[in-house]
PDB file of N, CA and C in Angstrom:
ATOM      1  N   UNK A   1     108.566  31.890  49.601  1.00  0.00           N
ATOM      2  CA  UNK A   1     108.598  30.188  49.026  1.00  0.00           C
ATOM      3  C   UNK A   1     107.661  29.382  50.560  1.00  0.00           C
ATOM      4  N   UNK A   2     106.226  29.298  49.425  1.00  0.00           N
ATOM      5  CA  UNK A   2     105.437  28.264  50.447  1.00  0.00           C
ATOM      6  C   UNK A   2     106.878  26.502  50.461  1.00  0.00           C
ATOM      7  N   UNK A   3     106.022  26.488  51.712  1.00  0.00           N
ATOM      8  CA  UNK A   3     106.539  25.063  52.262  1.00  0.00           C
ATOM      9  C   UNK A   3     104.993  24.450  52.820  1.00  0.00           C
ATOM     10  N   UNK A   4     105.172  22.728  52.260  1.00  0.00           N
ATOM     11  CA  UNK A   4     104.070  21.704  51.838  1.00  0.00           C
ATOM     12  C   UNK A   4     103.866  21.710  53.247  1.00  0.00           C
ATOM     13  N   UNK A   5     102.414  21.359  53.522  1.00  0.00           N
ATOM     14  CA  UNK A   5     101.761  21.367  54.585  1.00  0.00           C
ATOM     15  C   UNK A   5     101.499  19.801  55.575  1.00  0.00           C
ATOM     16  N   UNK A   6     102.152  19.311  55.115  1.00  0.00           N
ATOM     17  CA  UNK A   6     101.426  17.846  54.883  1.00  0.00           C
ATOM     18  C   UNK A   6     103.636  17.304  55.375  1.00  0.00           C
ATOM     19  N   UNK A   7     105.030  18.100  54.883  1.00  0.00           N
ATOM     20  CA  UNK A   7     106.191  17.572  55.268  1.00  0.00           C
ATOM     21  C   UNK A   7     107.334  18.391  55.649  1.00  0.00           C
ATOM     22  N   UNK A   8     106.723  19.732  54.670  1.00  0.00           N
ATOM     23  CA  UNK A   8     107.614  20.602  55.203  1.00  0.00           C
ATOM     24  C   UNK A   8     108.415  20.644  53.576  1.00  0.00           C
ATOM     25  N   UNK A   9     108.598  20.092  53.156  1.00  0.00           N
ATOM     26  CA  UNK A   9     109.520  20.458  51.905  1.00  0.00           C
ATOM     27  C   UNK A   9     108.973  22.366  50.642  1.00  0.00           C
ATOM     28  N   UNK A  10     109.694  22.615  49.955  1.00  0.00           N
ATOM     29  CA  UNK A  10     109.335  22.868  49.053  1.00  0.00           C
ATOM     30  C   UNK A  10     108.019  23.116  48.465  1.00  0.00           C
ATOM     31  N   UNK A  11     106.341  24.296  48.293  1.00  0.00           N
ATOM     32  CA  UNK A  11     105.187  23.488  47.848  1.00  0.00           C
ATOM     33  C   UNK A  11     105.502  23.774  46.240  1.00  0.00           C
ATOM     34  N   UNK A  12     104.327  23.472  45.351  1.00  0.00           N
ATOM     35  CA  UNK A  12     104.697  23.486  43.793  1.00  0.00           C
ATOM     36  C   UNK A  12     103.793  24.559  43.758  1.00  0.00           C
ATOM     37  N   UNK A  13     104.091  26.201  43.492  1.00  0.00           N
ATOM     38  CA  UNK A  13     102.785  27.680  42.854  1.00  0.00           C
ATOM     39  C   UNK A  13     102.894  27.671  44.104  1.00  0.00           C
ATOM     40  N   UNK A  14     101.516  27.890  43.720  1.00  0.00           N
ATOM     41  CA  UNK A  14      99.976  28.489  44.638  1.00  0.00           C
ATOM     42  C   UNK A  14      99.534  27.352  44.908  1.00  0.00           C
ATOM     43  N   UNK A  15      99.675  26.594  45.399  1.00  0.00           N
ATOM     44  CA  UNK A  15     100.164  25.329  46.385  1.00  0.00           C
ATOM     45  C   UNK A  15     100.427  25.219  47.845  1.00  0.00           C
ATOM     46  N   UNK A  16      99.882  24.378  48.396  1.00  0.00           N
ATOM     47  CA  UNK A  16     100.366  23.912  49.760  1.00  0.00           C
ATOM     48  C   UNK A  16     101.155  22.499  50.042  1.00  0.00           C
ATOM     49  N   UNK A  17     101.062  22.137  48.749  1.00  0.00           N
ATOM     50  CA  UNK A  17     101.900  20.789  48.547  1.00  0.00           C
ATOM     51  C   UNK A  17     102.747  20.946  48.390  1.00  0.00           C
ATOM     52  N   UNK A  18     103.279  19.508  47.931  1.00  0.00           N
ATOM     53  CA  UNK A  18     104.809  19.037  47.404  1.00  0.00           C
ATOM     54  C   UNK A  18     104.225  18.417  46.711  1.00  0.00           C
ATOM     55  N   UNK A  19     104.908  18.057  45.593  1.00  0.00           N
ATOM     56  CA  UNK A  19     105.224  16.863  44.126  1.00  0.00           C
ATOM     57  C   UNK A  19     104.773  15.210  44.714  1.00  0.00           C
ATOM     58  N   UNK A  20     104.959  15.540  45.984  1.00  0.00           N
ATOM     59  CA  UNK A  20     104.715  14.077  46.365  1.00  0.00           C
ATOM     60  C   UNK A  20     103.381  13.866  46.823  1.00  0.00           C
ATOM     61  N   UNK A  21     102.687  15.055  47.579  1.00  0.00           N
ATOM     62  CA  UNK A  21     101.393  15.335  48.648  1.00  0.00           C
ATOM     63  C   UNK A  21     100.071  15.743  47.560  1.00  0.00           C
ATOM     64  N   UNK A  22     100.930  16.950  46.157  1.00  0.00           N
ATOM     65  CA  UNK A  22      99.446  16.518  45.069  1.00  0.00           C
ATOM     66  C   UNK A  22      98.555  15.950  44.924  1.00  0.00           C
ATOM     67  N   UNK A  23      97.057  16.648  44.876  1.00  0.00           N
ATOM     68  CA  UNK A  23      96.361  16.337  44.755  1.00  0.00           C
ATOM     69  C   UNK A  23      96.042  14.461  43.562  1.00  0.00           C
ATOM     70  N   UNK A  24      96.477  15.642  43.068  1.00  0.00           N
ATOM     71  CA  UNK A  24      97.354  13.556  41.503  1.00  0.00           C
ATOM     72  C   UNK A  24      98.156  12.342  42.394  1.00  0.00           C
ATOM     73  N   UNK A  25      98.160  12.555  43.722  1.00  0.00           N
ATOM     74  CA  UNK A  25      99.278  10.861  44.225  1.00  0.00           C
ATOM     75  C   UNK A  25      99.536  11.260  45.149  1.00  0.00           C
ATOM     76  N   UNK A  26      98.955  11.166  46.922  1.00  0.00           N
ATOM     77  CA  UNK A  26      98.625  11.473  48.031  1.00  0.00           C
ATOM     78  C   UNK A  26      99.442  10.430  48.119  1.00  0.00           C
ATOM     79  N   UNK A  27     100.903  10.747  48.300  1.00  0.00           N
ATOM     80  CA  UNK A  27     101.875   9.902  49.600  1.00  0.00           C
ATOM     81  C   UNK A  27     101.052   8.845  50.645  1.00  0.00           C
ATOM     82  N   UNK A  28     100.472   8.471  50.931  1.00  0.00           N
ATOM     83  CA  UNK A  28     100.909   7.659  51.944  1.00  0.00           C
ATOM     84  C   UNK A  28     101.279   7.241  52.955  1.00  0.00           C
ATOM     85  N   UNK A  29     102.448   7.307  52.581  1.00  0.00           N
ATOM     86  CA  UNK A  29     104.125   7.357  53.154  1.00  0.00           C
ATOM     87  C   UNK A  29     104.484   8.401  54.089  1.00  0.00           C
ATOM     88  N   UNK A  30     103.556   9.204  53.969  1.00  0.00           N
ATOM     89  CA  UNK A  30     104.585  10.531  54.216  1.00  0.00           C
ATOM     90  C   UNK A  30     103.893  10.960  56.662  1.00  0.00           C
ATOM     91  N   UNK A  31     104.287  11.623  57.283  1.00  0.00           N
ATOM     92  CA  UNK A  31     103.353  11.682  58.842  1.00  0.00           C
ATOM     93  C   UNK A  31     102.216  12.329  58.660  1.00  0.00           C
ATOM     94  N   UNK A  32     101.883  12.339  58.903  1.00  0.00           N
ATOM     95  CA  UNK A  32     100.266  13.081  59.269  1.00  0.00           C
ATOM     96  C   UNK A  32     101.005  14.373  59.493  1.00  0.00           C
ATOM     97  N   UNK A  33      99.712  15.002  58.442  1.00  0.00           N
ATOM     98  CA  UNK A  33      99.701  16.184  58.380  1.00  0.00           C
ATOM     99  C   UNK A  33      99.816  17.585  59.563  1.00  0.00           C
ATOM    100  N   UNK A  34     100.560  18.525  59.479  1.00  0.00           N
ATOM    101  CA  UNK A  34     100.843  20.087  60.086  1.00  0.00           C
ATOM    102  C   UNK A  34     100.381  20.439  60.769  1.00  0.00           C
ATOM    103  N   UNK A  35      99.824  21.277  61.372  1.00  0.00           N
ATOM    104  CA  UNK A  35      99.331  22.774  61.364  1.00  0.00           C
ATOM    105  C   UNK A  35      99.704  23.741  60.590  1.00  0.00           C
ATOM    106  N   UNK A  36      98.414  24.192  60.193  1.00  0.00           N
ATOM    107  CA  UNK A  36      99.023  24.991  59.744  1.00  0.00           C
ATOM    108  C   UNK A  36      99.735  26.970  60.001  1.00  0.00           C
ATOM    109  N   UNK A  37     100.961  26.936  60.230  1.00  0.00           N
ATOM    110  CA  UNK A  37     102.224  28.086  61.323  1.00  0.00           C
ATOM    111  C   UNK A  37     102.771  27.561  62.445  1.00  0.00           C
ATOM    112  N   UNK A  38     102.866  25.848  61.723  1.00  0.00           N
ATOM    113  CA  UNK A  38     103.595  25.124  62.936  1.00  0.00           C
ATOM    114  C   UNK A  38     104.558  25.339  61.986  1.00  0.00           C
ATOM    115  N   UNK A  39     106.583  25.554  62.885  1.00  0.00           N
ATOM    116  CA  UNK A  39     107.700  25.980  61.871  1.00  0.00           C
ATOM    117  C   UNK A  39     107.773  23.888  62.457  1.00  0.00           C
ATOM    118  N   UNK A  40     109.194  23.581  61.018  1.00  0.00           N
ATOM    119  CA  UNK A  40     109.713  22.863  61.489  1.00  0.00           C
ATOM    120  C   UNK A  40     110.768  23.033  61.788  1.00  0.00           C
ATOM    121  N   UNK A  41     111.731  22.266  62.483  1.00  0.00           N
ATOM    122  CA  UNK A  41     113.204  22.580  62.520  1.00  0.00           C
ATOM    123  C   UNK A  41     114.142  21.375  62.570  1.00  0.00           C
ATOM    124  N   UNK A  42     115.062  21.883  61.845  1.00  0.00           N
ATOM    125  CA  UNK A  42     116.159  21.751  60.553  1.00  0.00           C
ATOM    126  C   UNK A  42     116.967  21.318  61.759  1.00  0.00           C
ATOM    127  N   UNK A  43     118.067  20.662  61.385  1.00  0.00           N
ATOM    128  CA  UNK A  43     119.315  20.209  62.174  1.00  0.00           C
ATOM    129  C   UNK A  43     120.294  20.027  61.030  1.00  0.00           C
ATOM    130  N   UNK A  44     121.246  19.873  61.387  1.00  0.00           N
ATOM    131  CA  UNK A  44     122.507  19.415  60.609  1.00  0.00           C
ATOM    132  C   UNK A  44     123.084  17.884  60.920  1.00  0.00           C
ATOM    133  N   UNK A  45     123.364  17.441  60.753  1.00  0.00           N
ATOM    134  CA  UNK A  45     124.127  16.327  60.749  1.00  0.00           C
ATOM    135  C   UNK A  45     125.489  16.209  61.428  1.00  0.00           C
ATOM    136  N   UNK A  46     125.870  17.508  61.425  1.00  0.00           N
ATOM    137  CA  UNK A  46     126.919  17.863  63.492  1.00  0.00           C
ATOM    138  C   UNK A  46     125.951  18.445  64.300  1.00  0.00           C
ATOM    139  N   UNK A  47     124.947  18.705  64.534  1.00  0.00           N
ATOM    140  CA  UNK A  47     123.544  19.659  65.167  1.00  0.00           C
ATOM    141  C   UNK A  47     122.867  17.632  65.521  1.00  0.00           C
ATOM    142  N   UNK A  48     123.484  17.063  64.767  1.00  0.00           N
ATOM    143  CA  UNK A  48     122.939  15.476  64.958  1.00  0.00           C
ATOM    144  C   UNK A  48     123.630  14.830  65.905  1.00  0.00           C
ATOM    145  N   UNK A  49     124.495  14.891  65.309  1.00  0.00           N
ATOM    146  CA  UNK A  49     126.296  14.112  65.934  1.00  0.00           C
ATOM    147  C   UNK A  49     125.723  14.960  67.934  1.00  0.00           C
ATOM    148  N   UNK A  50     126.332  16.406  68.301  1.00  0.00           N
ATOM    149  CA  UNK A  50     125.527  17.392  69.027  1.00  0.00           C
ATOM    150  C   UNK A  50     124.593  16.290  70.643  1.00  0.00           C
ATOM    151  N   UNK A  51     123.982  16.726  69.769  1.00  0.00           N
ATOM    152  CA  UNK A  51     122.782  16.297  70.067  1.00  0.00           C
ATOM    153  C   UNK A  51     122.325  14.589  70.666  1.00  0.00           C
ATOM    154  N   UNK A  52     122.414  13.492  69.679  1.00  0.00           N
ATOM    155  CA  UNK A  52     123.295  12.382  69.857  1.00  0.00           C
ATOM    156  C   UNK A  52     124.442  12.196  70.948  1.00  0.00           C
ATOM    157  N   UNK A  53     125.512  12.121  70.623  1.00  0.00           N
ATOM    158  CA  UNK A  53     126.655  11.983  71.003  1.00  0.00           C
ATOM    159  C   UNK A  53     126.973  10.785  70.353  1.00  0.00           C
ATOM    160  N   UNK A  54     126.970  10.091  69.215  1.00  0.00           N
ATOM    161  CA  UNK A  54     126.647   9.199  68.112  1.00  0.00           C
ATOM    162  C   UNK A  54     128.166  10.193  67.509  1.00  0.00           C
ATOM    163  N   UNK A  55     128.837   8.690  66.684  1.00  0.00           N
ATOM    164  CA  UNK A  55     129.993   9.457  65.245  1.00  0.00           C
ATOM    165  C   UNK A  55     129.515  10.090  64.585  1.00  0.00           C
ATOM    166  N   UNK A  56     130.007  10.751  63.598  1.00  0.00           N
ATOM    167  CA  UNK A  56     129.423  11.458  62.560  1.00  0.00           C
ATOM    168  C   UNK A  56     128.859  10.534  61.297  1.00  0.00           C
ATOM    169  N   UNK A  57     130.082   9.560  61.564  1.00  0.00           N
ATOM    170  CA  UNK A  57     129.958   8.504  59.852  1.00  0.00           C
ATOM    171  C   UNK A  57     129.050   7.495  60.784  1.00  0.00           C
ATOM    172  N   UNK A  58     129.260   7.178  62.016  1.00  0.00           N
ATOM    173  CA  UNK A  58     127.286   6.429  62.419  1.00  0.00           C
ATOM    174  C   UNK A  58     126.197   6.997  61.735  1.00  0.00           C
ATOM    175  N   UNK A  59     126.145   8.150  62.403  1.00  0.00           N
ATOM    176  CA  UNK A  59     124.829   8.848  61.465  1.00  0.00           C
ATOM    177  C   UNK A  59     124.641   9.166  59.996  1.00  0.00           C
ATOM    178  N   UNK A  60     125.998   9.656  59.264  1.00  0.00           N
ATOM    179  CA  UNK A  60     125.947   9.798  57.386  1.00  0.00           C
ATOM    180  C   UNK A  60     124.970   7.570  57.460  1.00  0.00           C
ATOM    181  N   UNK A  61     125.568   6.738  58.303  1.00  0.00           N
ATOM    182  CA  UNK A  61     125.467   5.633  57.866  1.00  0.00           C
ATOM    183  C   UNK A  61     123.961   5.360  57.622  1.00  0.00           C
ATOM    184  N   UNK A  62     124.110   5.932  58.749  1.00  0.00           N
ATOM    185  CA  UNK A  62     122.186   6.435  59.161  1.00  0.00           C
ATOM    186  C   UNK A  62     121.087   6.970  58.769  1.00  0.00           C
ATOM    187  N   UNK A  63     121.274   8.304  57.893  1.00  0.00           N
ATOM    188  CA  UNK A  63     121.295   8.797  56.773  1.00  0.00           C
ATOM    189  C   UNK A  63     121.226   7.440  55.374  1.00  0.00           C
ATOM    190  N   UNK A  64     122.291   7.261  54.854  1.00  0.00           N
ATOM    191  CA  UNK A  64     122.767   6.980  54.226  1.00  0.00           C
ATOM    192  C   UNK A  64     120.937   4.930  53.879  1.00  0.00           C
ATOM    193  N   UNK A  65     121.324   5.043  54.700  1.00  0.00           N
ATOM    194  CA  UNK A  65     120.059   3.018  54.884  1.00  0.00           C
ATOM    195  C   UNK A  65     118.947   3.752  54.999  1.00  0.00           C
ATOM    196  N   UNK A  66     118.712   5.069  55.892  1.00  0.00           N
ATOM    197  CA  UNK A  66     117.353   5.132  55.559  1.00  0.00           C
ATOM    198  C   UNK A  66     116.587   5.111  56.248  1.00  0.00           C
ATOM    199  N   UNK A  67     117.344   4.252  57.725  1.00  0.00           N
ATOM    200  CA  UNK A  67     116.687   4.546  59.045  1.00  0.00           C
ATOM    201  C   UNK A  67     116.847   6.311  59.446  1.00  0.00           C
ATOM    202  N   UNK A  68     117.305   6.870  59.705  1.00  0.00           N
ATOM    203  CA  UNK A  68     117.216   8.268  59.669  1.00  0.00           C
ATOM    204  C   UNK A  68     116.867   9.613  58.480  1.00  0.00           C
ATOM    205  N   UNK A  69     115.815   9.479  58.479  1.00  0.00           N
ATOM    206  CA  UNK A  69     114.676  10.053  57.274  1.00  0.00           C
ATOM    207  C   UNK A  69     115.919  11.574  57.073  1.00  0.00           C
ATOM    208  N   UNK A  70     116.197  12.280  56.152  1.00  0.00           N
ATOM    209  CA  UNK A  70     117.173  13.299  55.688  1.00  0.00           C
ATOM    210  C   UNK A  70     117.114  13.673  54.666  1.00  0.00           C
ATOM    211  N   UNK A  71     116.476  15.124  54.025  1.00  0.00           N
ATOM    212  CA  UNK A  71     116.861  15.189  52.908  1.00  0.00           C
ATOM    213  C   UNK A  71     117.840  16.564  52.774  1.00  0.00           C
ATOM    214  N   UNK A  72     118.399  16.513  51.205  1.00  0.00           N
ATOM    215  CA  UNK A  72     119.443  17.734  50.931  1.00  0.00           C
ATOM    216  C   UNK A  72     119.427  18.881  50.133  1.00  0.00           C
ATOM    217  N   UNK A  73     119.586  19.573  51.675  1.00  0.00           N
ATOM    218  CA  UNK A  73     119.387  21.115  50.994  1.00  0.00           C
ATOM    219  C   UNK A  73     121.223  21.355  50.897  1.00  0.00           C
ATOM    220  N   UNK A  74     121.516  21.515  49.872  1.00  0.00           N
ATOM    221  CA  UNK A  74     122.271  22.465  48.711  1.00  0.00           C
ATOM    222  C   UNK A  74     123.834  21.163  49.072  1.00  0.00           C
ATOM    223  N   UNK A  75     124.121  21.576  49.621  1.00  0.00           N
ATOM    224  CA  UNK A  75     125.450  20.945  50.224  1.00  0.00           C
ATOM    225  C   UNK A  75     125.619  20.527  51.451  1.00  0.00           C
ATOM    226  N   UNK A  76     124.398  20.435  52.312  1.00  0.00           N
ATOM    227  CA  UNK A  76     124.138  19.737  53.602  1.00  0.00           C
ATOM    228  C   UNK A  76     123.000  18.793  53.615  1.00  0.00           C
ATOM    229  N   UNK A  77     123.296  17.765  54.554  1.00  0.00           N
ATOM    230  CA  UNK A  77     122.800  17.024  55.290  1.00  0.00           C
ATOM    231  C   UNK A  77     121.097  17.856  56.008  1.00  0.00           C
ATOM    232  N   UNK A  78     120.579  18.026  55.778  1.00  0.00           N
ATOM    233  CA  UNK A  78     119.166  17.938  56.731  1.00  0.00           C
ATOM    234  C   UNK A  78     118.044  17.336  57.786  1.00  0.00           C
ATOM    235  N   UNK A  79     117.856  17.130  58.952  1.00  0.00           N
ATOM    236  CA  UNK A  79     117.434  15.857  59.316  1.00  0.00           C
ATOM    237  C   UNK A  79     115.893  16.772  60.037  1.00  0.00           C
ATOM    238  N   UNK A  80     115.013  16.892  60.376  1.00  0.00           N
ATOM    239  CA  UNK A  80     113.959  18.191  61.155  1.00  0.00           C
ATOM    240  C   UNK A  80     114.442  16.865  62.204  1.00  0.00           C
ATOM    241  N   UNK A  81     113.712  17.460  63.137  1.00  0.00           N
ATOM    242  CA  UNK A  81     114.157  17.381  64.973  1.00  0.00           C
ATOM    243  C   UNK A  81     112.577  15.898  64.495  1.00  0.00           C
ATOM    244  N   UNK A  82     112.218  16.163  64.993  1.00  0.00           N
ATOM    245  CA  UNK A  82     110.571  15.288  63.915  1.00  0.00           C
ATOM    246  C   UNK A  82     111.504  14.161  63.940  1.00  0.00           C
ATOM    247  N   UNK A  83     111.950  13.434  62.766  1.00  0.00           N
ATOM    248  CA  UNK A  83     112.546  12.911  61.721  1.00  0.00           C
ATOM    249  C   UNK A  83     113.590  11.956  63.395  1.00  0.00           C
ATOM    250  N   UNK A  84     114.887  12.574  64.010  1.00  0.00           N
ATOM    251  CA  UNK A  84     115.006  12.812  64.895  1.00  0.00           C
ATOM    252  C   UNK A  84     114.979  11.778  66.177  1.00  0.00           C
ATOM    253  N   UNK A  85     113.748  12.657  66.666  1.00  0.00           N
ATOM    254  CA  UNK A  85     112.871  11.900  67.691  1.00  0.00           C
ATOM    255  C   UNK A  85     112.607  10.838  67.628  1.00  0.00           C
ATOM    256  N   UNK A  86     111.602  10.472  66.415  1.00  0.00           N
ATOM    257  CA  UNK A  86     111.850   9.669  66.303  1.00  0.00           C
ATOM    258  C   UNK A  86     111.903   8.333  65.799  1.00  0.00           C
ATOM    259  N   UNK A  87     113.415   8.332  65.310  1.00  0.00           N
ATOM    260  CA  UNK A  87     114.259   7.881  64.911  1.00  0.00           C
ATOM    261  C   UNK A  87     114.438   7.410  66.745  1.00  0.00           C
ATOM    262  N   UNK A  88     114.996   7.960  67.630  1.00  0.00           N
ATOM    263  CA  UNK A  88     115.685   8.068  68.653  1.00  0.00           C
ATOM    264  C   UNK A  88     114.373   7.220  69.916  1.00  0.00           C
ATOM    265  N   UNK A  89     113.342   7.312  69.752  1.00  0.00           N
ATOM    266  CA  UNK A  89     112.391   6.623  70.012  1.00  0.00           C
ATOM    267  C   UNK A  89     112.613   4.655  69.381  1.00  0.00           C
ATOM    268  N   UNK A  90     112.622   4.914  67.972  1.00  0.00           N
ATOM    269  CA  UNK A  90     112.569   3.767  67.540  1.00  0.00           C
ATOM    270  C   UNK A  90     113.696   2.773  67.579  1.00  0.00           C
ATOM    271  N   UNK A  91     115.252   3.210  68.480  1.00  0.00           N
ATOM    272  CA  UNK A  91     116.058   1.955  68.420  1.00  0.00           C
ATOM    273  C   UNK A  91     116.749   1.466  69.221  1.00  0.00           C
ATOM    274  N   UNK A  92     116.648   0.299  68.972  1.00  0.00           N
ATOM    275  CA  UNK A  92     116.873  -0.923  70.214  1.00  0.00           C
ATOM    276  C   UNK A  92     118.428  -1.158  70.767  1.00  0.00           C
ATOM    277  N   UNK A  93     119.178  -1.051  71.667  1.00  0.00           N
ATOM    278  CA  UNK A  93     121.163  -1.003  72.231  1.00  0.00           C
ATOM    279  C   UNK A  93     121.102  -2.266  72.046  1.00  0.00           C
ATOM    280  N   UNK A  94     121.950  -1.981  70.535  1.00  0.00           N
ATOM    281  CA  UNK A  94     122.856  -2.556  70.744  1.00  0.00           C
ATOM    282  C   UNK A  94     124.141  -4.025  71.242  1.00  0.00           C
ATOM    283  N   UNK A  95     122.840  -5.258  70.741  1.00  0.00           N
ATOM    284  CA  UNK A  95     123.337  -6.123  71.149  1.00  0.00           C
ATOM    285  C   UNK A  95     125.225  -6.612  72.370  1.00  0.00           C
ATOM    286  N   UNK A  96     125.467  -6.722  73.182  1.00  0.00           N
ATOM    287  CA  UNK A  96     127.269  -7.200  73.470  1.00  0.00           C
ATOM    288  C   UNK A  96     127.209  -8.411  72.689  1.00  0.00           C
ATOM    289  N   UNK A  97     128.525  -7.557  72.467  1.00  0.00           N
ATOM    290  CA  UNK A  97     129.430  -8.928  71.319  1.00  0.00           C
ATOM    291  C   UNK A  97     129.867 -10.571  72.303  1.00  0.00           C
ATOM    292  N   UNK A  98     129.782 -11.165  71.965  1.00  0.00           N
ATOM    293  CA  UNK A  98     130.005 -12.603  72.417  1.00  0.00           C
ATOM    294  C   UNK A  98     132.184 -12.501  72.910  1.00  0.00           C
ATOM    295  N   UNK A  99     132.799 -11.861  72.274  1.00  0.00           N
ATOM    296  CA  UNK A  99     133.518 -11.846  72.990  1.00  0.00           C
ATOM    297  C   UNK A  99     133.740 -10.936  74.524  1.00  0.00           C
ATOM    298  N   UNK A 100     133.064 -10.150  74.657  1.00  0.00           N
ATOM    299  CA  UNK A 100     133.030  -9.344  75.578  1.00  0.00           C
ATOM    300  C   UNK A 100     132.008 -10.694  77.062  1.00  0.00           C
ATOM    301  N   UNK A 101     131.122 -11.307  76.600  1.00  0.00           N
ATOM    302  CA  UNK A 101     130.808 -12.054  77.162  1.00  0.00           C
ATOM    303  C   UNK A 101     130.985 -12.925  78.350  1.00  0.00           C
ATOM    304  N   UNK A 102     132.357 -13.520  77.121  1.00  0.00           N
ATOM    305  CA  UNK A 102     133.508 -14.600  77.141  1.00  0.00           C
ATOM    306  C   UNK A 102     134.474 -14.764  79.048  1.00  0.00           C
ATOM    307  N   UNK A 103     134.592 -13.219  78.024  1.00  0.00           N
ATOM    308  CA  UNK A 103     135.632 -12.438  79.482  1.00  0.00           C
ATOM    309  C   UNK A 103     134.757 -11.729  80.370  1.00  0.00           C
ATOM    310  N   UNK A 104     133.904 -12.096  80.260  1.00  0.00           N
ATOM    311  CA  UNK A 104     133.072 -10.892  81.607  1.00  0.00           C
ATOM    312  C   UNK A 104     133.237 -11.924  82.498  1.00  0.00           C
ATOM    313  N   UNK A 105     132.759 -13.445  82.883  1.00  0.00           N
ATOM    314  CA  UNK A 105     132.737 -13.796  83.732  1.00  0.00           C
ATOM    315  C   UNK A 105     134.065 -13.796  84.813  1.00  0.00           C
ATOM    316  N   UNK A 106     135.250 -13.847  83.113  1.00  0.00           N
ATOM    317  CA  UNK A 106     136.678 -14.497  84.442  1.00  0.00           C
ATOM    318  C   UNK A 106     137.021 -13.281  85.295  1.00  0.00           C
ATOM    319  N   UNK A 107     136.774 -12.246  85.017  1.00  0.00           N
ATOM    320  CA  UNK A 107     137.010 -11.158  85.344  1.00  0.00           C
ATOM    321  C   UNK A 107     137.151 -10.899  87.334  1.00  0.00           C
TER     322      UNK A 107
END
């Protein structure tokens, strides 16, 4: 089984590119090319929960919204370690709700 050099997904036939990166239409939104021999580390959603401390519902919501890139392998959703690190680097902390700000000065 060959893997695509650009994204790590299954490659077509004897080529080293998947359908999205085939020579007839190169996907410009893809990650930069990987060096040959570089292994892709796959994490299940439970692995993401353990690593980030987020709730499983929050992780599923991130995948559904597209903020965390994932793909389905069989019945399980998997995330690359690179995609998880990219999400963690890009996220911003949530604002403090107005209700909590109002009560803070009373204490």
